[in-house]
Amino acid sequence: LGRKNHVLYDIKYILNVDEADGRL
């Protein structure tokens, strides 16, 4: 869904820690 360079942020712990660029 993102452009070549993007940020993926996970508020709900849907992804593993190494899959998101940031999360709570």
PDBML (XML) file of the C-alpha atoms, coordinates in Angstrom:
<?xml version="1.0" encoding="UTF-8" ?>
<PDBx:datablock datablockName="MODEL"
   xmlns:PDBx="http://pdbml.pdb.org/schema/pdbx-v50.xsd"
   xmlns:xsi="http://www.w3.org/2001/XMLSchema-instance"
   xsi:schemaLocation="http://pdbml.pdb.org/schema/pdbx-v50.xsd pdbx-v50.xsd">
   <PDBx:atom_siteCategory>
      <PDBx:atom_site id="1">
         <PDBx:B_iso_or_equiv>0.00</PDBx:B_iso_or_equiv>
         <PDBx:Cartn_x>0.000</PDBx:Cartn_x>
         <PDBx:Cartn_y>0.000</PDBx:Cartn_y>
         <PDBx:Cartn_z>0.000</PDBx:Cartn_z>
         <PDBx:auth_asym_id>A</PDBx:auth_asym_id>
         <PDBx:auth_atom_id>CA</PDBx:auth_atom_id>
         <PDBx:auth_comp_id>LEU</PDBx:auth_comp_id>
         <PDBx:auth_seq_id>1</PDBx:auth_seq_id>
         <PDBx:group_PDB>ATOM</PDBx:group_PDB>
         <PDBx:label_alt_id xsi:nil="true" />
         <PDBx:label_asym_id>A</PDBx:label_asym_id>
         <PDBx:label_atom_id>CA</PDBx:label_atom_id>
         <PDBx:label_comp_id>LEU</PDBx:label_comp_id>
         <PDBx:label_entity_id>1</PDBx:label_entity_id>
         <PDBx:label_seq_id>1</PDBx:label_seq_id>
         <PDBx:occupancy>1.00</PDBx:occupancy>
         <PDBx:pdbx_PDB_model_num>1</PDBx:pdbx_PDB_model_num>
         <PDBx:type_symbol>C</PDBx:type_symbol>
      </PDBx:atom_site>
      <PDBx:atom_site id="2">
         <PDBx:B_iso_or_equiv>0.00</PDBx:B_iso_or_equiv>
         <PDBx:Cartn_x>2.971</PDBx:Cartn_x>
         <PDBx:Cartn_y>2.277</PDBx:Cartn_y>
         <PDBx:Cartn_z>0.567</PDBx:Cartn_z>
         <PDBx:auth_asym_id>A</PDBx:auth_asym_id>
         <PDBx:auth_atom_id>CA</PDBx:auth_atom_id>
         <PDBx:auth_comp_id>GLY</PDBx:auth_comp_id>
         <PDBx:auth_seq_id>2</PDBx:auth_seq_id>
         <PDBx:group_PDB>ATOM</PDBx:group_PDB>
         <PDBx:label_alt_id xsi:nil="true" />
         <PDBx:label_asym_id>A</PDBx:label_asym_id>
         <PDBx:label_atom_id>CA</PDBx:label_atom_id>
         <PDBx:label_comp_id>GLY</PDBx:label_comp_id>
         <PDBx:label_entity_id>1</PDBx:label_entity_id>
         <PDBx:label_seq_id>2</PDBx:label_seq_id>
         <PDBx:occupancy>1.00</PDBx:occupancy>
         <PDBx:pdbx_PDB_model_num>1</PDBx:pdbx_PDB_model_num>
         <PDBx:type_symbol>C</PDBx:type_symbol>
      </PDBx:atom_site>
      <PDBx:atom_site id="3">
         <PDBx:B_iso_or_equiv>0.00</PDBx:B_iso_or_equiv>
         <PDBx:Cartn_x>5.341</PDBx:Cartn_x>
         <PDBx:Cartn_y>4.035</PDBx:Cartn_y>
         <PDBx:Cartn_z>-1.754</PDBx:Cartn_z>
         <PDBx:auth_asym_id>A</PDBx:auth_asym_id>
         <PDBx:auth_atom_id>CA</PDBx:auth_atom_id>
         <PDBx:auth_comp_id>ARG</PDBx:auth_comp_id>
         <PDBx:auth_seq_id>3</PDBx:auth_seq_id>
         <PDBx:group_PDB>ATOM</PDBx:group_PDB>
         <PDBx:label_alt_id xsi:nil="true" />
         <PDBx:label_asym_id>A</PDBx:label_asym_id>
         <PDBx:label_atom_id>CA</PDBx:label_atom_id>
         <PDBx:label_comp_id>ARG</PDBx:label_comp_id>
         <PDBx:label_entity_id>1</PDBx:label_entity_id>
         <PDBx:label_seq_id>3</PDBx:label_seq_id>
         <PDBx:occupancy>1.00</PDBx:occupancy>
         <PDBx:pdbx_PDB_model_num>1</PDBx:pdbx_PDB_model_num>
         <PDBx:type_symbol>C</PDBx:type_symbol>
      </PDBx:atom_site>
      <PDBx:atom_site id="4">
         <PDBx:B_iso_or_equiv>0.00</PDBx:B_iso_or_equiv>
         <PDBx:Cartn_x>8.857</PDBx:Cartn_x>
         <PDBx:Cartn_y>2.693</PDBx:Cartn_y>
         <PDBx:Cartn_z>-2.175</PDBx:Cartn_z>
         <PDBx:auth_asym_id>A</PDBx:auth_asym_id>
         <PDBx:auth_atom_id>CA</PDBx:auth_atom_id>
         <PDBx:auth_comp_id>LYS</PDBx:auth_comp_id>
         <PDBx:auth_seq_id>4</PDBx:auth_seq_id>
         <PDBx:group_PDB>ATOM</PDBx:group_PDB>
         <PDBx:label_alt_id xsi:nil="true" />
         <PDBx:label_asym_id>A</PDBx:label_asym_id>
         <PDBx:label_atom_id>CA</PDBx:label_atom_id>
         <PDBx:label_comp_id>LYS</PDBx:label_comp_id>
         <PDBx:label_entity_id>1</PDBx:label_entity_id>
         <PDBx:label_seq_id>4</PDBx:label_seq_id>
         <PDBx:occupancy>1.00</PDBx:occupancy>
         <PDBx:pdbx_PDB_model_num>1</PDBx:pdbx_PDB_model_num>
         <PDBx:type_symbol>C</PDBx:type_symbol>
      </PDBx:atom_site>
      <PDBx:atom_site id="5">
         <PDBx:B_iso_or_equiv>0.00</PDBx:B_iso_or_equiv>
         <PDBx:Cartn_x>9.909</PDBx:Cartn_x>
         <PDBx:Cartn_y>4.727</PDBx:Cartn_y>
         <PDBx:Cartn_z>0.862</PDBx:Cartn_z>
         <PDBx:auth_asym_id>A</PDBx:auth_asym_id>
         <PDBx:auth_atom_id>CA</PDBx:auth_atom_id>
         <PDBx:auth_comp_id>ASN</PDBx:auth_comp_id>
         <PDBx:auth_seq_id>5</PDBx:auth_seq_id>
         <PDBx:group_PDB>ATOM</PDBx:group_PDB>
         <PDBx:label_alt_id xsi:nil="true" />
         <PDBx:label_asym_id>A</PDBx:label_asym_id>
         <PDBx:label_atom_id>CA</PDBx:label_atom_id>
         <PDBx:label_comp_id>ASN</PDBx:label_comp_id>
         <PDBx:label_entity_id>1</PDBx:label_entity_id>
         <PDBx:label_seq_id>5</PDBx:label_seq_id>
         <PDBx:occupancy>1.00</PDBx:occupancy>
         <PDBx:pdbx_PDB_model_num>1</PDBx:pdbx_PDB_model_num>
         <PDBx:type_symbol>C</PDBx:type_symbol>
      </PDBx:atom_site>
      <PDBx:atom_site id="6">
         <PDBx:B_iso_or_equiv>0.00</PDBx:B_iso_or_equiv>
         <PDBx:Cartn_x>7.224</PDBx:Cartn_x>
         <PDBx:Cartn_y>4.751</PDBx:Cartn_y>
         <PDBx:Cartn_z>3.572</PDBx:Cartn_z>
         <PDBx:auth_asym_id>A</PDBx:auth_asym_id>
         <PDBx:auth_atom_id>CA</PDBx:auth_atom_id>
         <PDBx:auth_comp_id>HIS</PDBx:auth_comp_id>
         <PDBx:auth_seq_id>6</PDBx:auth_seq_id>
         <PDBx:group_PDB>ATOM</PDBx:group_PDB>
         <PDBx:label_alt_id xsi:nil="true" />
         <PDBx:label_asym_id>A</PDBx:label_asym_id>
         <PDBx:label_atom_id>CA</PDBx:label_atom_id>
         <PDBx:label_comp_id>HIS</PDBx:label_comp_id>
         <PDBx:label_entity_id>1</PDBx:label_entity_id>
         <PDBx:label_seq_id>6</PDBx:label_seq_id>
         <PDBx:occupancy>1.00</PDBx:occupancy>
         <PDBx:pdbx_PDB_model_num>1</PDBx:pdbx_PDB_model_num>
         <PDBx:type_symbol>C</PDBx:type_symbol>
      </PDBx:atom_site>
      <PDBx:atom_site id="7">
         <PDBx:B_iso_or_equiv>0.00</PDBx:B_iso_or_equiv>
         <PDBx:Cartn_x>6.503</PDBx:Cartn_x>
         <PDBx:Cartn_y>4.271</PDBx:Cartn_y>
         <PDBx:Cartn_z>7.273</PDBx:Cartn_z>
         <PDBx:auth_asym_id>A</PDBx:auth_asym_id>
         <PDBx:auth_atom_id>CA</PDBx:auth_atom_id>
         <PDBx:auth_comp_id>VAL</PDBx:auth_comp_id>
         <PDBx:auth_seq_id>7</PDBx:auth_seq_id>
         <PDBx:group_PDB>ATOM</PDBx:group_PDB>
         <PDBx:label_alt_id xsi:nil="true" />
         <PDBx:label_asym_id>A</PDBx:label_asym_id>
         <PDBx:label_atom_id>CA</PDBx:label_atom_id>
         <PDBx:label_comp_id>VAL</PDBx:label_comp_id>
         <PDBx:label_entity_id>1</PDBx:label_entity_id>
         <PDBx:label_seq_id>7</PDBx:label_seq_id>
         <PDBx:occupancy>1.00</PDBx:occupancy>
         <PDBx:pdbx_PDB_model_num>1</PDBx:pdbx_PDB_model_num>
         <PDBx:type_symbol>C</PDBx:type_symbol>
      </PDBx:atom_site>
      <PDBx:atom_site id="8">
         <PDBx:B_iso_or_equiv>0.00</PDBx:B_iso_or_equiv>
         <PDBx:Cartn_x>4.394</PDBx:Cartn_x>
         <PDBx:Cartn_y>1.404</PDBx:Cartn_y>
         <PDBx:Cartn_z>8.619</PDBx:Cartn_z>
         <PDBx:auth_asym_id>A</PDBx:auth_asym_id>
         <PDBx:auth_atom_id>CA</PDBx:auth_atom_id>
         <PDBx:auth_comp_id>LEU</PDBx:auth_comp_id>
         <PDBx:auth_seq_id>8</PDBx:auth_seq_id>
         <PDBx:group_PDB>ATOM</PDBx:group_PDB>
         <PDBx:label_alt_id xsi:nil="true" />
         <PDBx:label_asym_id>A</PDBx:label_asym_id>
         <PDBx:label_atom_id>CA</PDBx:label_atom_id>
         <PDBx:label_comp_id>LEU</PDBx:label_comp_id>
         <PDBx:label_entity_id>1</PDBx:label_entity_id>
         <PDBx:label_seq_id>8</PDBx:label_seq_id>
         <PDBx:occupancy>1.00</PDBx:occupancy>
         <PDBx:pdbx_PDB_model_num>1</PDBx:pdbx_PDB_model_num>
         <PDBx:type_symbol>C</PDBx:type_symbol>
      </PDBx:atom_site>
      <PDBx:atom_site id="9">
         <PDBx:B_iso_or_equiv>0.00</PDBx:B_iso_or_equiv>
         <PDBx:Cartn_x>3.233</PDBx:Cartn_x>
         <PDBx:Cartn_y>2.051</PDBx:Cartn_y>
         <PDBx:Cartn_z>12.188</PDBx:Cartn_z>
         <PDBx:auth_asym_id>A</PDBx:auth_asym_id>
         <PDBx:auth_atom_id>CA</PDBx:auth_atom_id>
         <PDBx:auth_comp_id>TYR</PDBx:auth_comp_id>
         <PDBx:auth_seq_id>9</PDBx:auth_seq_id>
         <PDBx:group_PDB>ATOM</PDBx:group_PDB>
         <PDBx:label_alt_id xsi:nil="true" />
         <PDBx:label_asym_id>A</PDBx:label_asym_id>
         <PDBx:label_atom_id>CA</PDBx:label_atom_id>
         <PDBx:label_comp_id>TYR</PDBx:label_comp_id>
         <PDBx:label_entity_id>1</PDBx:label_entity_id>
         <PDBx:label_seq_id>9</PDBx:label_seq_id>
         <PDBx:occupancy>1.00</PDBx:occupancy>
         <PDBx:pdbx_PDB_model_num>1</PDBx:pdbx_PDB_model_num>
         <PDBx:type_symbol>C</PDBx:type_symbol>
      </PDBx:atom_site>
      <PDBx:atom_site id="10">
         <PDBx:B_iso_or_equiv>0.00</PDBx:B_iso_or_equiv>
         <PDBx:Cartn_x>1.373</PDBx:Cartn_x>
         <PDBx:Cartn_y>-0.498</PDBx:Cartn_y>
         <PDBx:Cartn_z>14.285</PDBx:Cartn_z>
         <PDBx:auth_asym_id>A</PDBx:auth_asym_id>
         <PDBx:auth_atom_id>CA</PDBx:auth_atom_id>
         <PDBx:auth_comp_id>ASP</PDBx:auth_comp_id>
         <PDBx:auth_seq_id>10</PDBx:auth_seq_id>
         <PDBx:group_PDB>ATOM</PDBx:group_PDB>
         <PDBx:label_alt_id xsi:nil="true" />
         <PDBx:label_asym_id>A</PDBx:label_asym_id>
         <PDBx:label_atom_id>CA</PDBx:label_atom_id>
         <PDBx:label_comp_id>ASP</PDBx:label_comp_id>
         <PDBx:label_entity_id>1</PDBx:label_entity_id>
         <PDBx:label_seq_id>10</PDBx:label_seq_id>
         <PDBx:occupancy>1.00</PDBx:occupancy>
         <PDBx:pdbx_PDB_model_num>1</PDBx:pdbx_PDB_model_num>
         <PDBx:type_symbol>C</PDBx:type_symbol>
      </PDBx:atom_site>
      <PDBx:atom_site id="11">
         <PDBx:B_iso_or_equiv>0.00</PDBx:B_iso_or_equiv>
         <PDBx:Cartn_x>-0.744</PDBx:Cartn_x>
         <PDBx:Cartn_y>0.670</PDBx:Cartn_y>
         <PDBx:Cartn_z>17.234</PDBx:Cartn_z>
         <PDBx:auth_asym_id>A</PDBx:auth_asym_id>
         <PDBx:auth_atom_id>CA</PDBx:auth_atom_id>
         <PDBx:auth_comp_id>ILE</PDBx:auth_comp_id>
         <PDBx:auth_seq_id>11</PDBx:auth_seq_id>
         <PDBx:group_PDB>ATOM</PDBx:group_PDB>
         <PDBx:label_alt_id xsi:nil="true" />
         <PDBx:label_asym_id>A</PDBx:label_asym_id>
         <PDBx:label_atom_id>CA</PDBx:label_atom_id>
         <PDBx:label_comp_id>ILE</PDBx:label_comp_id>
         <PDBx:label_entity_id>1</PDBx:label_entity_id>
         <PDBx:label_seq_id>11</PDBx:label_seq_id>
         <PDBx:occupancy>1.00</PDBx:occupancy>
         <PDBx:pdbx_PDB_model_num>1</PDBx:pdbx_PDB_model_num>
         <PDBx:type_symbol>C</PDBx:type_symbol>
      </PDBx:atom_site>
      <PDBx:atom_site id="12">
         <PDBx:B_iso_or_equiv>0.00</PDBx:B_iso_or_equiv>
         <PDBx:Cartn_x>-2.453</PDBx:Cartn_x>
         <PDBx:Cartn_y>-2.696</PDBx:Cartn_y>
         <PDBx:Cartn_z>17.827</PDBx:Cartn_z>
         <PDBx:auth_asym_id>A</PDBx:auth_asym_id>
         <PDBx:auth_atom_id>CA</PDBx:auth_atom_id>
         <PDBx:auth_comp_id>LYS</PDBx:auth_comp_id>
         <PDBx:auth_seq_id>12</PDBx:auth_seq_id>
         <PDBx:group_PDB>ATOM</PDBx:group_PDB>
         <PDBx:label_alt_id xsi:nil="true" />
         <PDBx:label_asym_id>A</PDBx:label_asym_id>
         <PDBx:label_atom_id>CA</PDBx:label_atom_id>
         <PDBx:label_comp_id>LYS</PDBx:label_comp_id>
         <PDBx:label_entity_id>1</PDBx:label_entity_id>
         <PDBx:label_seq_id>12</PDBx:label_seq_id>
         <PDBx:occupancy>1.00</PDBx:occupancy>
         <PDBx:pdbx_PDB_model_num>1</PDBx:pdbx_PDB_model_num>
         <PDBx:type_symbol>C</PDBx:type_symbol>
      </PDBx:atom_site>
      <PDBx:atom_site id="13">
         <PDBx:B_iso_or_equiv>0.00</PDBx:B_iso_or_equiv>
         <PDBx:Cartn_x>0.458</PDBx:Cartn_x>
         <PDBx:Cartn_y>-5.182</PDBx:Cartn_y>
         <PDBx:Cartn_z>17.750</PDBx:Cartn_z>
         <PDBx:auth_asym_id>A</PDBx:auth_asym_id>
         <PDBx:auth_atom_id>CA</PDBx:auth_atom_id>
         <PDBx:auth_comp_id>TYR</PDBx:auth_comp_id>
         <PDBx:auth_seq_id>13</PDBx:auth_seq_id>
         <PDBx:group_PDB>ATOM</PDBx:group_PDB>
         <PDBx:label_alt_id xsi:nil="true" />
         <PDBx:label_asym_id>A</PDBx:label_asym_id>
         <PDBx:label_atom_id>CA</PDBx:label_atom_id>
         <PDBx:label_comp_id>TYR</PDBx:label_comp_id>
         <PDBx:label_entity_id>1</PDBx:label_entity_id>
         <PDBx:label_seq_id>13</PDBx:label_seq_id>
         <PDBx:occupancy>1.00</PDBx:occupancy>
         <PDBx:pdbx_PDB_model_num>1</PDBx:pdbx_PDB_model_num>
         <PDBx:type_symbol>C</PDBx:type_symbol>
      </PDBx:atom_site>
      <PDBx:atom_site id="14">
         <PDBx:B_iso_or_equiv>0.00</PDBx:B_iso_or_equiv>
         <PDBx:Cartn_x>-0.878</PDBx:Cartn_x>
         <PDBx:Cartn_y>-6.729</PDBx:Cartn_y>
         <PDBx:Cartn_z>14.552</PDBx:Cartn_z>
         <PDBx:auth_asym_id>A</PDBx:auth_asym_id>
         <PDBx:auth_atom_id>CA</PDBx:auth_atom_id>
         <PDBx:auth_comp_id>ILE</PDBx:auth_comp_id>
         <PDBx:auth_seq_id>14</PDBx:auth_seq_id>
         <PDBx:group_PDB>ATOM</PDBx:group_PDB>
         <PDBx:label_alt_id xsi:nil="true" />
         <PDBx:label_asym_id>A</PDBx:label_asym_id>
         <PDBx:label_atom_id>CA</PDBx:label_atom_id>
         <PDBx:label_comp_id>ILE</PDBx:label_comp_id>
         <PDBx:label_entity_id>1</PDBx:label_entity_id>
         <PDBx:label_seq_id>14</PDBx:label_seq_id>
         <PDBx:occupancy>1.00</PDBx:occupancy>
         <PDBx:pdbx_PDB_model_num>1</PDBx:pdbx_PDB_model_num>
         <PDBx:type_symbol>C</PDBx:type_symbol>
      </PDBx:atom_site>
      <PDBx:atom_site id="15">
         <PDBx:B_iso_or_equiv>0.00</PDBx:B_iso_or_equiv>
         <PDBx:Cartn_x>2.651</PDBx:Cartn_x>
         <PDBx:Cartn_y>-7.194</PDBx:Cartn_y>
         <PDBx:Cartn_z>13.213</PDBx:Cartn_z>
         <PDBx:auth_asym_id>A</PDBx:auth_asym_id>
         <PDBx:auth_atom_id>CA</PDBx:auth_atom_id>
         <PDBx:auth_comp_id>LEU</PDBx:auth_comp_id>
         <PDBx:auth_seq_id>15</PDBx:auth_seq_id>
         <PDBx:group_PDB>ATOM</PDBx:group_PDB>
         <PDBx:label_alt_id xsi:nil="true" />
         <PDBx:label_asym_id>A</PDBx:label_asym_id>
         <PDBx:label_atom_id>CA</PDBx:label_atom_id>
         <PDBx:label_comp_id>LEU</PDBx:label_comp_id>
         <PDBx:label_entity_id>1</PDBx:label_entity_id>
         <PDBx:label_seq_id>15</PDBx:label_seq_id>
         <PDBx:occupancy>1.00</PDBx:occupancy>
         <PDBx:pdbx_PDB_model_num>1</PDBx:pdbx_PDB_model_num>
         <PDBx:type_symbol>C</PDBx:type_symbol>
      </PDBx:atom_site>
      <PDBx:atom_site id="16">
         <PDBx:B_iso_or_equiv>0.00</PDBx:B_iso_or_equiv>
         <PDBx:Cartn_x>5.761</PDBx:Cartn_x>
         <PDBx:Cartn_y>-8.627</PDBx:Cartn_y>
         <PDBx:Cartn_z>14.799</PDBx:Cartn_z>
         <PDBx:auth_asym_id>A</PDBx:auth_asym_id>
         <PDBx:auth_atom_id>CA</PDBx:auth_atom_id>
         <PDBx:auth_comp_id>ASN</PDBx:auth_comp_id>
         <PDBx:auth_seq_id>16</PDBx:auth_seq_id>
         <PDBx:group_PDB>ATOM</PDBx:group_PDB>
         <PDBx:label_alt_id xsi:nil="true" />
         <PDBx:label_asym_id>A</PDBx:label_asym_id>
         <PDBx:label_atom_id>CA</PDBx:label_atom_id>
         <PDBx:label_comp_id>ASN</PDBx:label_comp_id>
         <PDBx:label_entity_id>1</PDBx:label_entity_id>
         <PDBx:label_seq_id>16</PDBx:label_seq_id>
         <PDBx:occupancy>1.00</PDBx:occupancy>
         <PDBx:pdbx_PDB_model_num>1</PDBx:pdbx_PDB_model_num>
         <PDBx:type_symbol>C</PDBx:type_symbol>
      </PDBx:atom_site>
      <PDBx:atom_site id="17">
         <PDBx:B_iso_or_equiv>0.00</PDBx:B_iso_or_equiv>
         <PDBx:Cartn_x>8.247</PDBx:Cartn_x>
         <PDBx:Cartn_y>-6.142</PDBx:Cartn_y>
         <PDBx:Cartn_z>16.206</PDBx:Cartn_z>
         <PDBx:auth_asym_id>A</PDBx:auth_asym_id>
         <PDBx:auth_atom_id>CA</PDBx:auth_atom_id>
         <PDBx:auth_comp_id>VAL</PDBx:auth_comp_id>
         <PDBx:auth_seq_id>17</PDBx:auth_seq_id>
         <PDBx:group_PDB>ATOM</PDBx:group_PDB>
         <PDBx:label_alt_id xsi:nil="true" />
         <PDBx:label_asym_id>A</PDBx:label_asym_id>
         <PDBx:label_atom_id>CA</PDBx:label_atom_id>
         <PDBx:label_comp_id>VAL</PDBx:label_comp_id>
         <PDBx:label_entity_id>1</PDBx:label_entity_id>
         <PDBx:label_seq_id>17</PDBx:label_seq_id>
         <PDBx:occupancy>1.00</PDBx:occupancy>
         <PDBx:pdbx_PDB_model_num>1</PDBx:pdbx_PDB_model_num>
         <PDBx:type_symbol>C</PDBx:type_symbol>
      </PDBx:atom_site>
      <PDBx:atom_site id="18">
         <PDBx:B_iso_or_equiv>0.00</PDBx:B_iso_or_equiv>
         <PDBx:Cartn_x>10.633</PDBx:Cartn_x>
         <PDBx:Cartn_y>-6.580</PDBx:Cartn_y>
         <PDBx:Cartn_z>13.266</PDBx:Cartn_z>
         <PDBx:auth_asym_id>A</PDBx:auth_asym_id>
         <PDBx:auth_atom_id>CA</PDBx:auth_atom_id>
         <PDBx:auth_comp_id>ASP</PDBx:auth_comp_id>
         <PDBx:auth_seq_id>18</PDBx:auth_seq_id>
         <PDBx:group_PDB>ATOM</PDBx:group_PDB>
         <PDBx:label_alt_id xsi:nil="true" />
         <PDBx:label_asym_id>A</PDBx:label_asym_id>
         <PDBx:label_atom_id>CA</PDBx:label_atom_id>
         <PDBx:label_comp_id>ASP</PDBx:label_comp_id>
         <PDBx:label_entity_id>1</PDBx:label_entity_id>
         <PDBx:label_seq_id>18</PDBx:label_seq_id>
         <PDBx:occupancy>1.00</PDBx:occupancy>
         <PDBx:pdbx_PDB_model_num>1</PDBx:pdbx_PDB_model_num>
         <PDBx:type_symbol>C</PDBx:type_symbol>
      </PDBx:atom_site>
      <PDBx:atom_site id="19">
         <PDBx:B_iso_or_equiv>0.00</PDBx:B_iso_or_equiv>
         <PDBx:Cartn_x>7.888</PDBx:Cartn_x>
         <PDBx:Cartn_y>-6.122</PDBx:Cartn_y>
         <PDBx:Cartn_z>10.658</PDBx:Cartn_z>
         <PDBx:auth_asym_id>A</PDBx:auth_asym_id>
         <PDBx:auth_atom_id>CA</PDBx:auth_atom_id>
         <PDBx:auth_comp_id>GLU</PDBx:auth_comp_id>
         <PDBx:auth_seq_id>19</PDBx:auth_seq_id>
         <PDBx:group_PDB>ATOM</PDBx:group_PDB>
         <PDBx:label_alt_id xsi:nil="true" />
         <PDBx:label_asym_id>A</PDBx:label_asym_id>
         <PDBx:label_atom_id>CA</PDBx:label_atom_id>
         <PDBx:label_comp_id>GLU</PDBx:label_comp_id>
         <PDBx:label_entity_id>1</PDBx:label_entity_id>
         <PDBx:label_seq_id>19</PDBx:label_seq_id>
         <PDBx:occupancy>1.00</PDBx:occupancy>
         <PDBx:pdbx_PDB_model_num>1</PDBx:pdbx_PDB_model_num>
         <PDBx:type_symbol>C</PDBx:type_symbol>
      </PDBx:atom_site>
      <PDBx:atom_site id="20">
         <PDBx:B_iso_or_equiv>0.00</PDBx:B_iso_or_equiv>
         <PDBx:Cartn_x>6.734</PDBx:Cartn_x>
         <PDBx:Cartn_y>-2.614</PDBx:Cartn_y>
         <PDBx:Cartn_z>11.557</PDBx:Cartn_z>
         <PDBx:auth_asym_id>A</PDBx:auth_asym_id>
         <PDBx:auth_atom_id>CA</PDBx:auth_atom_id>
         <PDBx:auth_comp_id>ALA</PDBx:auth_comp_id>
         <PDBx:auth_seq_id>20</PDBx:auth_seq_id>
         <PDBx:group_PDB>ATOM</PDBx:group_PDB>
         <PDBx:label_alt_id xsi:nil="true" />
         <PDBx:label_asym_id>A</PDBx:label_asym_id>
         <PDBx:label_atom_id>CA</PDBx:label_atom_id>
         <PDBx:label_comp_id>ALA</PDBx:label_comp_id>
         <PDBx:label_entity_id>1</PDBx:label_entity_id>
         <PDBx:label_seq_id>20</PDBx:label_seq_id>
         <PDBx:occupancy>1.00</PDBx:occupancy>
         <PDBx:pdbx_PDB_model_num>1</PDBx:pdbx_PDB_model_num>
         <PDBx:type_symbol>C</PDBx:type_symbol>
      </PDBx:atom_site>
      <PDBx:atom_site id="21">
         <PDBx:B_iso_or_equiv>0.00</PDBx:B_iso_or_equiv>
         <PDBx:Cartn_x>8.790</PDBx:Cartn_x>
         <PDBx:Cartn_y>0.573</PDBx:Cartn_y>
         <PDBx:Cartn_z>11.447</PDBx:Cartn_z>
         <PDBx:auth_asym_id>A</PDBx:auth_asym_id>
         <PDBx:auth_atom_id>CA</PDBx:auth_atom_id>
         <PDBx:auth_comp_id>ASP</PDBx:auth_comp_id>
         <PDBx:auth_seq_id>21</PDBx:auth_seq_id>
         <PDBx:group_PDB>ATOM</PDBx:group_PDB>
         <PDBx:label_alt_id xsi:nil="true" />
         <PDBx:label_asym_id>A</PDBx:label_asym_id>
         <PDBx:label_atom_id>CA</PDBx:label_atom_id>
         <PDBx:label_comp_id>ASP</PDBx:label_comp_id>
         <PDBx:label_entity_id>1</PDBx:label_entity_id>
         <PDBx:label_seq_id>21</PDBx:label_seq_id>
         <PDBx:occupancy>1.00</PDBx:occupancy>
         <PDBx:pdbx_PDB_model_num>1</PDBx:pdbx_PDB_model_num>
         <PDBx:type_symbol>C</PDBx:type_symbol>
      </PDBx:atom_site>
      <PDBx:atom_site id="22">
         <PDBx:B_iso_or_equiv>0.00</PDBx:B_iso_or_equiv>
         <PDBx:Cartn_x>7.341</PDBx:Cartn_x>
         <PDBx:Cartn_y>1.585</PDBx:Cartn_y>
         <PDBx:Cartn_z>14.780</PDBx:Cartn_z>
         <PDBx:auth_asym_id>A</PDBx:auth_asym_id>
         <PDBx:auth_atom_id>CA</PDBx:auth_atom_id>
         <PDBx:auth_comp_id>GLY</PDBx:auth_comp_id>
         <PDBx:auth_seq_id>22</PDBx:auth_seq_id>
         <PDBx:group_PDB>ATOM</PDBx:group_PDB>
         <PDBx:label_alt_id xsi:nil="true" />
         <PDBx:label_asym_id>A</PDBx:label_asym_id>
         <PDBx:label_atom_id>CA</PDBx:label_atom_id>
         <PDBx:label_comp_id>GLY</PDBx:label_comp_id>
         <PDBx:label_entity_id>1</PDBx:label_entity_id>
         <PDBx:label_seq_id>22</PDBx:label_seq_id>
         <PDBx:occupancy>1.00</PDBx:occupancy>
         <PDBx:pdbx_PDB_model_num>1</PDBx:pdbx_PDB_model_num>
         <PDBx:type_symbol>C</PDBx:type_symbol>
      </PDBx:atom_site>
      <PDBx:atom_site id="23">
         <PDBx:B_iso_or_equiv>0.00</PDBx:B_iso_or_equiv>
         <PDBx:Cartn_x>4.637</PDBx:Cartn_x>
         <PDBx:Cartn_y>0.694</PDBx:Cartn_y>
         <PDBx:Cartn_z>17.292</PDBx:Cartn_z>
         <PDBx:auth_asym_id>A</PDBx:auth_asym_id>
         <PDBx:auth_atom_id>CA</PDBx:auth_atom_id>
         <PDBx:auth_comp_id>ARG</PDBx:auth_comp_id>
         <PDBx:auth_seq_id>23</PDBx:auth_seq_id>
         <PDBx:group_PDB>ATOM</PDBx:group_PDB>
         <PDBx:label_alt_id xsi:nil="true" />
         <PDBx:label_asym_id>A</PDBx:label_asym_id>
         <PDBx:label_atom_id>CA</PDBx:label_atom_id>
         <PDBx:label_comp_id>ARG</PDBx:label_comp_id>
         <PDBx:label_entity_id>1</PDBx:label_entity_id>
         <PDBx:label_seq_id>23</PDBx:label_seq_id>
         <PDBx:occupancy>1.00</PDBx:occupancy>
         <PDBx:pdbx_PDB_model_num>1</PDBx:pdbx_PDB_model_num>
         <PDBx:type_symbol>C</PDBx:type_symbol>
      </PDBx:atom_site>
      <PDBx:atom_site id="24">
         <PDBx:B_iso_or_equiv>0.00</PDBx:B_iso_or_equiv>
         <PDBx:Cartn_x>3.456</PDBx:Cartn_x>
         <PDBx:Cartn_y>1.500</PDBx:Cartn_y>
         <PDBx:Cartn_z>20.799</PDBx:Cartn_z>
         <PDBx:auth_asym_id>A</PDBx:auth_asym_id>
         <PDBx:auth_atom_id>CA</PDBx:auth_atom_id>
         <PDBx:auth_comp_id>LEU</PDBx:auth_comp_id>
         <PDBx:auth_seq_id>24</PDBx:auth_seq_id>
         <PDBx:group_PDB>ATOM</PDBx:group_PDB>
         <PDBx:label_alt_id xsi:nil="true" />
         <PDBx:label_asym_id>A</PDBx:label_asym_id>
         <PDBx:label_atom_id>CA</PDBx:label_atom_id>
         <PDBx:label_comp_id>LEU</PDBx:label_comp_id>
         <PDBx:label_entity_id>1</PDBx:label_entity_id>
         <PDBx:label_seq_id>24</PDBx:label_seq_id>
         <PDBx:occupancy>1.00</PDBx:occupancy>
         <PDBx:pdbx_PDB_model_num>1</PDBx:pdbx_PDB_model_num>
         <PDBx:type_symbol>C</PDBx:type_symbol>
      </PDBx:atom_site>
   </PDBx:atom_siteCategory>
</PDBx:datablock>
